[in-house]
N, C-alpha and C. Protein backbone atom coordinates (compact mmCIF):
# COMPACT_ATOMS: atom_id res chain seq x y z
N THR A 1 125.08 153.79 185.98
CA THR A 1 126.51 154.02 185.83
C THR A 1 126.93 153.66 184.42
N ILE A 2 127.49 154.61 183.69
CA ILE A 2 128.04 154.38 182.36
C ILE A 2 129.55 154.30 182.50
N ASP A 3 130.13 153.15 182.16
CA ASP A 3 131.55 152.93 182.28
C ASP A 3 132.20 153.17 180.93
N ALA A 4 132.80 154.33 180.78
CA ALA A 4 133.54 154.69 179.57
C ALA A 4 134.99 154.93 179.93
N ALA A 5 135.50 154.18 180.90
CA ALA A 5 136.85 154.37 181.37
C ALA A 5 137.91 153.68 180.56
N GLY A 6 137.48 152.98 179.50
CA GLY A 6 138.48 152.42 178.58
C GLY A 6 139.04 151.06 179.03
N ARG A 7 140.12 150.64 178.38
CA ARG A 7 140.66 149.33 178.56
C ARG A 7 141.17 149.10 179.97
N LEU A 8 141.48 150.17 180.71
CA LEU A 8 142.02 150.04 182.07
C LEU A 8 140.94 150.21 183.13
N SER A 9 139.67 150.24 182.73
CA SER A 9 138.60 150.36 183.74
C SER A 9 138.71 149.23 184.74
N SER A 10 138.55 149.59 185.98
CA SER A 10 138.67 148.58 187.06
C SER A 10 137.30 147.96 187.41
N LEU A 11 136.23 148.53 186.88
CA LEU A 11 134.93 148.08 187.30
C LEU A 11 134.61 146.64 186.90
N PRO A 12 134.93 146.20 185.67
CA PRO A 12 134.66 144.77 185.36
C PRO A 12 135.34 143.79 186.38
N GLU A 13 136.56 144.09 186.73
CA GLU A 13 137.25 143.22 187.68
C GLU A 13 136.60 143.31 189.07
N GLN A 14 136.14 144.48 189.46
CA GLN A 14 135.45 144.62 190.73
C GLN A 14 134.15 143.81 190.72
N LEU A 15 133.43 143.87 189.61
CA LEU A 15 132.18 143.12 189.51
C LEU A 15 132.49 141.58 189.60
N LYS A 16 133.51 141.16 188.89
CA LYS A 16 133.81 139.70 188.92
C LYS A 16 134.23 139.28 190.35
N ALA A 17 134.97 140.16 191.00
CA ALA A 17 135.40 139.84 192.38
C ALA A 17 134.20 139.73 193.31
N ALA A 18 133.13 140.45 192.97
CA ALA A 18 131.92 140.41 193.79
C ALA A 18 130.99 139.27 193.40
N GLY A 19 131.38 138.48 192.37
CA GLY A 19 130.61 137.33 192.01
C GLY A 19 129.88 137.44 190.68
N ALA A 20 130.03 138.53 189.97
CA ALA A 20 129.35 138.68 188.69
C ALA A 20 129.95 137.77 187.62
N VAL A 21 129.13 137.32 186.69
CA VAL A 21 129.57 136.48 185.58
C VAL A 21 129.76 137.36 184.37
N ILE A 22 130.99 137.52 183.92
CA ILE A 22 131.29 138.30 182.70
C ILE A 22 132.16 137.41 181.80
N ALA A 23 131.52 136.95 180.73
CA ALA A 23 132.21 136.09 179.78
C ALA A 23 133.13 136.96 178.91
N GLU A 24 134.37 136.52 178.72
CA GLU A 24 135.35 137.28 177.96
C GLU A 24 135.98 136.43 176.86
N GLU A 25 136.14 137.04 175.70
CA GLU A 25 136.86 136.40 174.62
C GLU A 25 138.07 137.28 174.33
N VAL A 26 139.26 136.68 174.36
CA VAL A 26 140.50 137.45 174.14
C VAL A 26 141.36 136.68 173.14
N GLU A 27 141.88 137.42 172.16
CA GLU A 27 142.73 136.81 171.13
C GLU A 27 143.77 137.82 170.69
N ASP A 28 145.02 137.42 170.61
CA ASP A 28 146.08 138.31 170.14
C ASP A 28 145.80 138.76 168.71
N CYS A 29 146.12 140.02 168.43
CA CYS A 29 145.94 140.54 167.07
C CYS A 29 147.06 140.06 166.13
N GLY A 30 148.19 139.60 166.71
CA GLY A 30 149.26 139.03 165.91
C GLY A 30 150.16 140.04 165.27
N ILE A 31 150.15 141.29 165.77
CA ILE A 31 150.94 142.34 165.13
C ILE A 31 151.42 143.31 166.17
N LEU A 32 152.54 144.00 165.88
CA LEU A 32 153.05 145.05 166.73
C LEU A 32 153.30 146.29 165.86
N TYR A 33 153.19 147.46 166.47
CA TYR A 33 153.35 148.73 165.77
C TYR A 33 154.63 149.43 166.21
N TYR A 34 155.30 150.06 165.27
CA TYR A 34 156.48 150.86 165.56
C TYR A 34 156.30 152.20 164.82
N THR A 35 156.40 153.28 165.58
CA THR A 35 156.10 154.60 165.03
C THR A 35 157.23 155.56 165.35
N ARG A 36 157.56 156.43 164.36
CA ARG A 36 158.49 157.51 164.59
C ARG A 36 157.87 158.80 164.06
N HIS A 37 158.15 159.88 164.81
CA HIS A 37 157.61 161.18 164.44
C HIS A 37 158.70 162.03 163.76
N TYR A 38 158.25 162.88 162.87
CA TYR A 38 159.17 163.73 162.09
C TYR A 38 158.52 165.13 161.96
N ARG A 39 159.37 166.08 161.54
CA ARG A 39 158.86 167.39 161.15
C ARG A 39 159.65 167.94 160.02
N LEU A 40 158.96 168.76 159.20
CA LEU A 40 159.64 169.40 158.09
C LEU A 40 160.55 170.47 158.56
N ARG A 41 161.69 170.64 157.91
CA ARG A 41 162.64 171.65 158.28
C ARG A 41 162.08 173.02 157.87
N PRO A 42 162.54 174.11 158.48
CA PRO A 42 162.05 175.44 158.16
C PRO A 42 162.14 175.71 156.66
N GLY A 43 161.06 176.22 156.09
CA GLY A 43 161.06 176.56 154.67
C GLY A 43 160.74 175.40 153.76
N GLN A 44 160.63 174.16 154.30
CA GLN A 44 160.34 173.00 153.48
C GLN A 44 158.83 172.70 153.50
N SER A 45 158.35 172.02 152.44
CA SER A 45 156.97 171.65 152.36
C SER A 45 156.85 170.19 152.09
N GLU A 46 155.64 169.66 152.22
CA GLU A 46 155.40 168.25 151.96
C GLU A 46 155.70 167.90 150.51
N PRO A 47 156.21 166.73 150.25
CA PRO A 47 156.46 166.32 148.84
C PRO A 47 155.13 166.17 148.12
N PRO A 48 155.09 166.33 146.81
CA PRO A 48 153.84 166.14 146.06
C PRO A 48 153.39 164.71 146.15
N ARG A 49 152.10 164.52 146.19
CA ARG A 49 151.54 163.18 146.15
C ARG A 49 151.75 162.58 144.77
N GLY A 50 152.22 161.36 144.70
CA GLY A 50 152.50 160.74 143.42
C GLY A 50 151.70 159.43 143.23
N ALA A 51 152.20 158.62 142.35
CA ALA A 51 151.54 157.35 142.06
C ALA A 51 151.68 156.34 143.20
N HIS A 52 152.71 156.51 144.01
CA HIS A 52 152.95 155.58 145.11
C HIS A 52 152.35 156.17 146.39
N GLY A 53 151.46 155.41 147.00
CA GLY A 53 150.78 155.88 148.19
C GLY A 53 151.62 155.77 149.42
N GLY A 54 151.14 156.39 150.49
CA GLY A 54 151.84 156.37 151.76
C GLY A 54 151.47 155.24 152.66
N THR A 55 150.66 154.29 152.15
CA THR A 55 150.32 153.10 152.93
C THR A 55 150.44 151.89 152.05
N GLY A 56 150.69 150.75 152.68
CA GLY A 56 150.79 149.49 151.97
C GLY A 56 150.98 148.30 152.85
N ASP A 57 150.81 147.14 152.30
CA ASP A 57 150.90 145.90 153.06
C ASP A 57 151.66 144.86 152.18
N LEU A 58 152.85 144.47 152.64
CA LEU A 58 153.64 143.48 151.92
C LEU A 58 153.53 142.11 152.53
N GLY A 59 152.64 141.95 153.47
CA GLY A 59 152.51 140.64 154.12
C GLY A 59 153.35 140.52 155.36
N PHE A 60 154.66 140.66 155.18
CA PHE A 60 155.56 140.58 156.33
C PHE A 60 155.74 141.95 157.03
N ILE A 61 155.23 143.03 156.41
CA ILE A 61 155.31 144.33 157.03
C ILE A 61 154.25 145.22 156.38
N LYS A 62 153.63 146.07 157.22
CA LYS A 62 152.70 147.08 156.72
C LYS A 62 153.34 148.43 157.01
N PHE A 63 152.93 149.47 156.27
CA PHE A 63 153.45 150.79 156.52
C PHE A 63 152.35 151.84 156.31
N GLY A 64 152.46 152.95 157.05
CA GLY A 64 151.51 154.01 156.95
C GLY A 64 152.10 155.33 157.29
N LEU A 65 151.78 156.34 156.46
CA LEU A 65 152.22 157.72 156.69
C LEU A 65 151.05 158.53 157.20
N PHE A 66 151.27 159.34 158.22
CA PHE A 66 150.17 160.11 158.83
C PHE A 66 150.56 161.56 158.95
N PRO A 67 150.23 162.39 157.95
CA PRO A 67 150.53 163.84 158.04
C PRO A 67 149.76 164.49 159.17
N GLY A 68 150.43 165.46 159.84
CA GLY A 68 149.77 166.20 160.90
C GLY A 68 149.77 167.69 160.57
N ASP A 69 149.75 168.52 161.57
CA ASP A 69 149.77 169.96 161.38
C ASP A 69 151.13 170.53 161.74
N ASN A 70 151.34 171.80 161.42
CA ASN A 70 152.59 172.49 161.72
C ASN A 70 153.82 171.74 161.19
N GLY A 71 153.65 171.11 160.03
CA GLY A 71 154.78 170.42 159.40
C GLY A 71 155.20 169.12 160.06
N CYS A 72 154.36 168.59 160.92
CA CYS A 72 154.66 167.33 161.61
C CYS A 72 153.96 166.17 160.93
N PHE A 73 154.59 165.00 161.01
CA PHE A 73 153.97 163.78 160.50
C PHE A 73 154.61 162.58 161.20
N SER A 74 154.01 161.44 161.03
CA SER A 74 154.56 160.23 161.63
C SER A 74 154.48 159.11 160.58
N ILE A 75 155.32 158.08 160.79
CA ILE A 75 155.30 156.87 159.98
C ILE A 75 155.22 155.68 160.93
N THR A 76 154.34 154.79 160.62
CA THR A 76 154.19 153.56 161.42
C THR A 76 154.48 152.33 160.58
N LEU A 77 155.30 151.45 161.10
CA LEU A 77 155.54 150.14 160.50
C LEU A 77 154.88 149.09 161.39
N ALA A 78 154.07 148.25 160.79
CA ALA A 78 153.41 147.18 161.54
C ALA A 78 154.02 145.84 161.18
N VAL A 79 154.46 145.13 162.20
CA VAL A 79 155.24 143.89 161.98
C VAL A 79 154.52 142.72 162.66
N PRO A 80 154.32 141.61 161.93
CA PRO A 80 153.73 140.43 162.54
C PRO A 80 154.57 139.94 163.72
N GLU A 81 153.91 139.41 164.75
CA GLU A 81 154.64 138.90 165.89
C GLU A 81 155.61 137.81 165.54
N ILE A 82 155.33 137.04 164.52
CA ILE A 82 156.19 135.92 164.18
C ILE A 82 157.51 136.35 163.53
N GLU A 83 157.59 137.60 163.09
CA GLU A 83 158.81 138.13 162.49
C GLU A 83 159.76 138.61 163.61
N ALA A 84 160.29 137.68 164.34
CA ALA A 84 161.07 138.00 165.56
C ALA A 84 162.28 138.83 165.27
N GLU A 85 163.04 138.50 164.26
CA GLU A 85 164.28 139.23 163.98
C GLU A 85 163.97 140.64 163.52
N LEU A 86 162.95 140.80 162.67
CA LEU A 86 162.56 142.11 162.19
C LEU A 86 162.10 143.00 163.33
N ARG A 87 161.35 142.42 164.28
CA ARG A 87 160.90 143.15 165.44
C ARG A 87 162.05 143.69 166.27
N GLN A 88 163.11 142.90 166.39
CA GLN A 88 164.27 143.32 167.20
C GLN A 88 165.01 144.48 166.50
N LYS A 89 165.05 144.42 165.21
CA LYS A 89 165.86 145.41 164.46
C LYS A 89 165.13 146.75 164.24
N VAL A 90 163.83 146.68 164.03
CA VAL A 90 163.10 147.87 163.58
C VAL A 90 163.04 148.97 164.64
N ILE A 91 163.29 148.62 165.89
CA ILE A 91 163.27 149.61 166.94
C ILE A 91 164.45 150.56 166.85
N ASP A 92 165.48 150.20 166.11
CA ASP A 92 166.66 151.04 165.90
C ASP A 92 166.29 152.12 164.87
N PRO A 93 166.41 153.42 165.25
CA PRO A 93 166.01 154.50 164.30
C PRO A 93 166.71 154.41 162.94
N VAL A 94 167.96 153.99 162.93
CA VAL A 94 168.67 153.90 161.64
C VAL A 94 168.03 152.82 160.75
N VAL A 95 167.73 151.69 161.35
CA VAL A 95 167.07 150.63 160.59
C VAL A 95 165.67 151.03 160.20
N PHE A 96 164.95 151.69 161.11
CA PHE A 96 163.60 152.12 160.80
C PHE A 96 163.58 153.03 159.56
N ASP A 97 164.44 154.04 159.58
CA ASP A 97 164.49 154.98 158.47
C ASP A 97 164.93 154.28 157.15
N ALA A 98 165.88 153.33 157.31
CA ALA A 98 166.34 152.62 156.10
C ALA A 98 165.22 151.81 155.47
N ILE A 99 164.42 151.20 156.31
CA ILE A 99 163.26 150.44 155.78
C ILE A 99 162.29 151.37 155.06
N CYS A 100 162.00 152.49 155.71
CA CYS A 100 161.05 153.46 155.10
C CYS A 100 161.53 153.96 153.79
N ASN A 101 162.83 154.13 153.67
CA ASN A 101 163.39 154.68 152.39
C ASN A 101 163.28 153.70 151.24
N HIS A 102 162.97 152.43 151.52
CA HIS A 102 162.75 151.47 150.46
C HIS A 102 161.39 151.62 149.81
N PHE A 103 160.46 152.34 150.45
CA PHE A 103 159.11 152.49 149.94
C PHE A 103 159.00 153.80 149.16
N PRO A 104 158.68 153.72 147.87
CA PRO A 104 158.63 154.94 147.05
C PRO A 104 157.67 156.00 147.57
N GLY A 105 156.61 155.58 148.26
CA GLY A 105 155.65 156.55 148.81
C GLY A 105 156.13 157.25 150.06
N LEU A 106 157.15 156.68 150.71
CA LEU A 106 157.64 157.26 151.97
C LEU A 106 158.99 158.00 151.77
N ALA A 107 159.82 157.53 150.86
CA ALA A 107 161.16 158.05 150.71
C ALA A 107 161.21 159.57 150.54
N PRO A 108 160.36 160.19 149.70
CA PRO A 108 160.44 161.63 149.51
C PRO A 108 160.20 162.42 150.81
N TRP A 109 159.45 161.84 151.73
CA TRP A 109 159.17 162.53 153.00
C TRP A 109 160.38 162.52 153.92
N LEU A 110 161.33 161.60 153.68
CA LEU A 110 162.46 161.46 154.56
C LEU A 110 163.75 162.01 153.99
N GLU A 111 163.69 162.75 152.92
CA GLU A 111 164.88 163.37 152.33
C GLU A 111 165.52 164.29 153.40
N LEU A 112 166.83 164.18 153.59
CA LEU A 112 167.52 164.85 154.69
C LEU A 112 167.33 166.37 154.64
N GLU A 113 167.32 166.94 153.44
CA GLU A 113 167.16 168.40 153.34
C GLU A 113 165.73 168.83 153.62
N ARG A 114 164.78 167.85 153.65
CA ARG A 114 163.37 168.20 153.82
C ARG A 114 162.90 167.99 155.29
N THR A 115 163.43 166.95 155.92
CA THR A 115 162.82 166.45 157.14
C THR A 115 163.86 166.14 158.23
N GLU A 116 163.44 166.32 159.48
CA GLU A 116 164.27 165.87 160.59
C GLU A 116 163.40 165.04 161.52
N PRO A 117 164.00 163.99 162.10
CA PRO A 117 163.23 163.14 163.03
C PRO A 117 163.01 163.83 164.35
N VAL A 118 161.93 163.44 165.01
CA VAL A 118 161.62 163.97 166.33
C VAL A 118 161.55 162.76 167.30
N GLY A 119 162.63 162.47 168.00
CA GLY A 119 162.64 161.41 168.96
C GLY A 119 162.90 160.03 168.38
N ARG A 120 162.71 159.05 169.24
CA ARG A 120 163.06 157.69 168.94
C ARG A 120 161.89 156.94 168.27
N VAL A 121 162.07 155.67 168.03
CA VAL A 121 161.04 154.81 167.53
C VAL A 121 160.22 154.26 168.71
N HIS A 122 158.92 154.44 168.67
CA HIS A 122 158.04 154.01 169.75
C HIS A 122 157.36 152.71 169.35
N GLY A 123 157.43 151.72 170.21
CA GLY A 123 156.74 150.44 169.94
C GLY A 123 155.43 150.35 170.71
N MET A 124 154.48 149.66 170.12
CA MET A 124 153.19 149.41 170.78
C MET A 124 152.83 147.96 170.57
N GLY A 125 152.69 147.24 171.67
CA GLY A 125 152.33 145.83 171.58
C GLY A 125 151.15 145.53 172.50
N ASP A 126 151.04 144.28 172.93
CA ASP A 126 149.96 143.85 173.77
C ASP A 126 148.59 144.15 173.13
N LEU A 127 148.50 143.97 171.82
CA LEU A 127 147.30 144.27 171.06
C LEU A 127 146.46 143.01 170.98
N ARG A 128 145.22 143.11 171.51
CA ARG A 128 144.34 141.95 171.55
C ARG A 128 142.92 142.36 171.14
N GLY A 129 142.25 141.45 170.46
CA GLY A 129 140.83 141.59 170.29
C GLY A 129 140.17 141.10 171.59
N HIS A 130 139.25 141.92 172.11
CA HIS A 130 138.71 141.63 173.47
C HIS A 130 137.20 141.95 173.44
N TRP A 131 136.41 140.95 173.76
CA TRP A 131 134.96 141.13 173.79
C TRP A 131 134.46 140.66 175.15
N ARG A 132 133.69 141.52 175.83
CA ARG A 132 133.11 141.14 177.13
C ARG A 132 131.59 141.12 177.00
N ASN A 133 131.00 140.06 177.46
CA ASN A 133 129.54 139.96 177.58
C ASN A 133 129.13 140.23 179.01
N PHE A 134 128.34 141.28 179.20
CA PHE A 134 127.91 141.64 180.56
C PHE A 134 126.52 141.10 180.88
N VAL A 135 125.98 140.29 179.97
CA VAL A 135 124.72 139.55 180.17
C VAL A 135 124.96 138.14 179.76
N THR A 136 124.60 137.17 180.60
CA THR A 136 124.80 135.77 180.29
C THR A 136 123.84 135.29 179.21
N ALA A 137 124.08 134.08 178.67
CA ALA A 137 123.21 133.51 177.71
C ALA A 137 121.80 133.31 178.24
N GLU A 138 121.70 133.14 179.54
CA GLU A 138 120.37 132.98 180.19
C GLU A 138 119.70 134.30 180.48
N GLY A 139 120.36 135.44 180.17
CA GLY A 139 119.77 136.74 180.33
C GLY A 139 120.04 137.38 181.70
N ALA A 140 121.03 136.89 182.40
CA ALA A 140 121.35 137.47 183.73
C ALA A 140 122.43 138.53 183.58
N PRO A 141 122.16 139.77 183.95
CA PRO A 141 123.18 140.85 183.84
C PRO A 141 124.25 140.70 184.93
N ALA A 142 125.45 141.17 184.58
CA ALA A 142 126.52 141.22 185.59
C ALA A 142 126.14 142.14 186.73
N ALA A 143 125.47 143.24 186.41
CA ALA A 143 125.01 144.19 187.41
C ALA A 143 123.88 145.00 186.79
N LEU A 144 122.94 145.41 187.59
CA LEU A 144 121.86 146.24 187.11
C LEU A 144 122.29 147.71 187.10
N ASP A 145 121.80 148.45 186.14
CA ASP A 145 122.11 149.88 185.99
C ASP A 145 123.59 150.15 185.78
N TYR A 146 124.27 149.18 185.21
CA TYR A 146 125.68 149.35 184.81
C TYR A 146 125.78 149.10 183.32
N PHE A 147 126.36 150.09 182.60
CA PHE A 147 126.42 150.02 181.14
C PHE A 147 127.80 150.39 180.64
N PRO A 148 128.57 149.40 180.19
CA PRO A 148 129.89 149.69 179.63
C PRO A 148 129.77 150.11 178.17
N VAL A 149 130.62 151.03 177.75
CA VAL A 149 130.74 151.44 176.36
C VAL A 149 132.24 151.50 176.03
N GLY A 150 132.51 151.44 174.72
CA GLY A 150 133.88 151.62 174.26
C GLY A 150 134.79 150.47 174.64
N ASP A 151 136.06 150.83 174.94
CA ASP A 151 137.08 149.80 175.20
C ASP A 151 136.82 149.01 176.49
N THR A 152 136.01 149.52 177.35
CA THR A 152 135.64 148.73 178.51
C THR A 152 134.98 147.42 178.12
N MET A 153 134.27 147.47 177.00
CA MET A 153 133.49 146.30 176.54
C MET A 153 134.13 145.63 175.36
N ILE A 154 134.61 146.39 174.36
CA ILE A 154 135.09 145.81 173.11
C ILE A 154 136.39 146.51 172.72
N ARG A 155 137.40 145.71 172.35
CA ARG A 155 138.65 146.26 171.80
C ARG A 155 139.03 145.46 170.56
N THR A 156 139.59 146.16 169.58
CA THR A 156 140.00 145.49 168.34
C THR A 156 141.38 146.03 167.95
N ASN A 157 141.91 145.44 166.93
CA ASN A 157 143.21 145.88 166.37
C ASN A 157 143.09 147.32 165.92
N PRO A 158 143.93 148.22 166.46
CA PRO A 158 143.86 149.67 166.09
C PRO A 158 144.06 149.89 164.59
N LEU A 159 144.60 148.92 163.89
CA LEU A 159 144.87 149.06 162.46
C LEU A 159 143.58 149.46 161.71
N TYR A 160 142.44 148.99 162.18
CA TYR A 160 141.22 149.22 161.44
C TYR A 160 140.51 150.49 161.85
N GLY A 161 140.98 151.19 162.90
CA GLY A 161 140.39 152.45 163.30
C GLY A 161 138.97 152.32 163.77
N ARG A 162 138.62 151.26 164.44
CA ARG A 162 137.23 151.03 164.85
C ARG A 162 136.93 151.50 166.29
N GLY A 163 137.93 151.84 167.06
CA GLY A 163 137.72 152.13 168.47
C GLY A 163 136.74 153.27 168.71
N CYS A 164 136.94 154.38 168.09
CA CYS A 164 136.05 155.53 168.29
C CYS A 164 134.66 155.28 167.74
N SER A 165 134.61 154.60 166.55
CA SER A 165 133.28 154.36 165.95
C SER A 165 132.50 153.37 166.79
N PHE A 166 133.18 152.31 167.30
CA PHE A 166 132.47 151.36 168.17
C PHE A 166 131.95 152.06 169.41
N SER A 167 132.72 152.96 169.96
CA SER A 167 132.28 153.68 171.18
C SER A 167 131.06 154.54 170.87
N ALA A 168 131.10 155.24 169.73
CA ALA A 168 130.02 156.14 169.38
C ALA A 168 128.74 155.34 169.12
N VAL A 169 128.86 154.23 168.38
CA VAL A 169 127.68 153.41 168.11
C VAL A 169 127.10 152.87 169.40
N ALA A 170 127.96 152.37 170.29
CA ALA A 170 127.47 151.86 171.58
C ALA A 170 126.74 152.95 172.37
N ALA A 171 127.26 154.15 172.33
CA ALA A 171 126.61 155.24 173.07
C ALA A 171 125.19 155.50 172.53
N PHE A 172 125.05 155.49 171.22
CA PHE A 172 123.70 155.70 170.63
C PHE A 172 122.79 154.51 170.92
N LEU A 173 123.36 153.28 170.88
CA LEU A 173 122.56 152.10 171.26
C LEU A 173 122.05 152.22 172.71
N LEU A 174 122.93 152.69 173.58
CA LEU A 174 122.56 152.87 174.98
C LEU A 174 121.48 153.94 175.13
N LYS A 175 121.65 155.06 174.42
CA LYS A 175 120.63 156.12 174.45
C LYS A 175 119.29 155.59 174.02
N ASP A 176 119.24 154.84 172.93
CA ASP A 176 117.99 154.25 172.44
C ASP A 176 117.41 153.29 173.47
N THR A 177 118.26 152.48 174.07
CA THR A 177 117.80 151.50 175.06
C THR A 177 117.13 152.19 176.24
N LEU A 178 117.76 153.23 176.75
CA LEU A 178 117.19 153.93 177.92
C LEU A 178 115.87 154.61 177.58
N ALA A 179 115.67 154.97 176.35
CA ALA A 179 114.43 155.62 175.92
C ALA A 179 113.32 154.60 175.68
N GLU A 180 113.71 153.36 175.29
CA GLU A 180 112.71 152.37 174.89
C GLU A 180 112.14 151.54 176.05
N VAL A 181 112.95 151.25 177.04
CA VAL A 181 112.48 150.48 178.18
C VAL A 181 112.88 151.15 179.47
N SER A 182 112.21 150.76 180.55
CA SER A 182 112.40 151.54 181.81
C SER A 182 112.95 150.77 182.96
N THR A 183 112.82 149.43 182.98
CA THR A 183 113.30 148.67 184.15
C THR A 183 114.78 148.30 183.95
N PRO A 184 115.51 148.23 185.03
CA PRO A 184 116.97 147.87 184.93
C PRO A 184 117.22 146.53 184.19
N LEU A 185 116.39 145.53 184.46
CA LEU A 185 116.60 144.24 183.83
C LEU A 185 116.36 144.34 182.33
N GLU A 186 115.26 144.97 181.96
CA GLU A 186 114.95 145.14 180.54
C GLU A 186 116.04 145.93 179.83
N ARG A 187 116.54 146.95 180.48
CA ARG A 187 117.57 147.78 179.87
C ARG A 187 118.85 146.98 179.64
N ALA A 188 119.25 146.19 180.64
CA ALA A 188 120.50 145.40 180.49
C ALA A 188 120.35 144.42 179.33
N ARG A 189 119.24 143.76 179.27
CA ARG A 189 119.06 142.74 178.21
C ARG A 189 118.94 143.40 176.82
N LEU A 190 118.19 144.49 176.72
CA LEU A 190 118.02 145.13 175.41
C LEU A 190 119.33 145.74 174.93
N TYR A 191 120.10 146.39 175.83
CA TYR A 191 121.37 146.95 175.41
C TYR A 191 122.33 145.88 174.93
N HIS A 192 122.35 144.77 175.65
CA HIS A 192 123.21 143.62 175.25
C HIS A 192 122.81 143.12 173.86
N ALA A 193 121.50 142.99 173.61
CA ALA A 193 121.01 142.51 172.33
C ALA A 193 121.39 143.50 171.21
N LYS A 194 121.23 144.79 171.46
CA LYS A 194 121.56 145.77 170.46
C LYS A 194 123.04 145.77 170.11
N VAL A 195 123.89 145.62 171.13
CA VAL A 195 125.32 145.56 170.90
C VAL A 195 125.70 144.31 170.07
N GLN A 196 125.05 143.18 170.42
CA GLN A 196 125.35 141.94 169.68
C GLN A 196 124.98 142.11 168.20
N THR A 197 123.85 142.73 167.95
CA THR A 197 123.39 142.89 166.57
C THR A 197 124.19 143.95 165.83
N GLY A 198 124.48 145.04 166.50
CA GLY A 198 125.09 146.19 165.83
C GLY A 198 126.59 146.11 165.67
N LEU A 199 127.28 145.44 166.61
CA LEU A 199 128.76 145.50 166.62
C LEU A 199 129.43 144.13 166.45
N ARG A 200 128.77 143.08 166.88
CA ARG A 200 129.44 141.75 166.83
C ARG A 200 129.88 141.36 165.43
N PRO A 201 129.12 141.58 164.39
CA PRO A 201 129.59 141.18 163.06
C PRO A 201 130.88 141.87 162.65
N TYR A 202 131.05 143.13 163.04
CA TYR A 202 132.28 143.85 162.71
C TYR A 202 133.46 143.34 163.53
N PHE A 203 133.20 143.05 164.79
CA PHE A 203 134.25 142.47 165.64
C PHE A 203 134.73 141.15 165.07
N ASP A 204 133.79 140.27 164.70
CA ASP A 204 134.18 138.98 164.16
C ASP A 204 134.94 139.14 162.84
N GLY A 205 134.54 140.08 161.99
CA GLY A 205 135.23 140.33 160.73
C GLY A 205 136.66 140.79 160.94
N ILE A 206 136.86 141.66 161.93
CA ILE A 206 138.22 142.13 162.23
C ILE A 206 139.07 140.99 162.76
N ARG A 207 138.48 140.20 163.66
CA ARG A 207 139.26 139.09 164.22
C ARG A 207 139.63 138.08 163.15
N ASN A 208 138.73 137.82 162.25
CA ASN A 208 139.04 136.88 161.15
C ASN A 208 140.16 137.42 160.25
N GLN A 209 140.17 138.74 160.01
CA GLN A 209 141.23 139.32 159.20
C GLN A 209 142.58 139.24 159.95
N ASP A 210 142.56 139.47 161.25
CA ASP A 210 143.78 139.31 162.05
C ASP A 210 144.33 137.89 161.88
């Protein structure tokens, strides 16, 4: 069984309820995201790229511009959890746009004659670094012939864009594991070892940056 059901997979909880030992490390990422979508008005085009980029980090706030297709784009503001007052205000579309207009790399995209907003400001929270070990330090698997990949096993701050790459790497590690050894116990232990070697350093680096 390959569990690629993501962060909401129910299988780890079912295994724990049945007595399996699954060690978990969970830590808040310390940040929340607020995103608003926009589109260019008919006949308008994207502003020229200049010296000021569409992304930046001022410490108390991060910002990012994400161009899409058909004249659509989005802007995300990332706010530390400790900035309580800013978090309360930024969800207001007027405040959100006013903040964006202070950044030289974003302001040209929000000129009224060029752009119109599409909908409200969307918040995303509950962001945590999450690592699950499905094999104990003594080498006992939570279950035989069960292999988690992706967010079922590892989650990190989306800011770094590691979710898809972690999933892809784990899938290749699993493919190699299944080709190299044949018994369920050997496969569980080898896959666990490969994940620890291949992904754990990146997970720790991201957590330290958070």
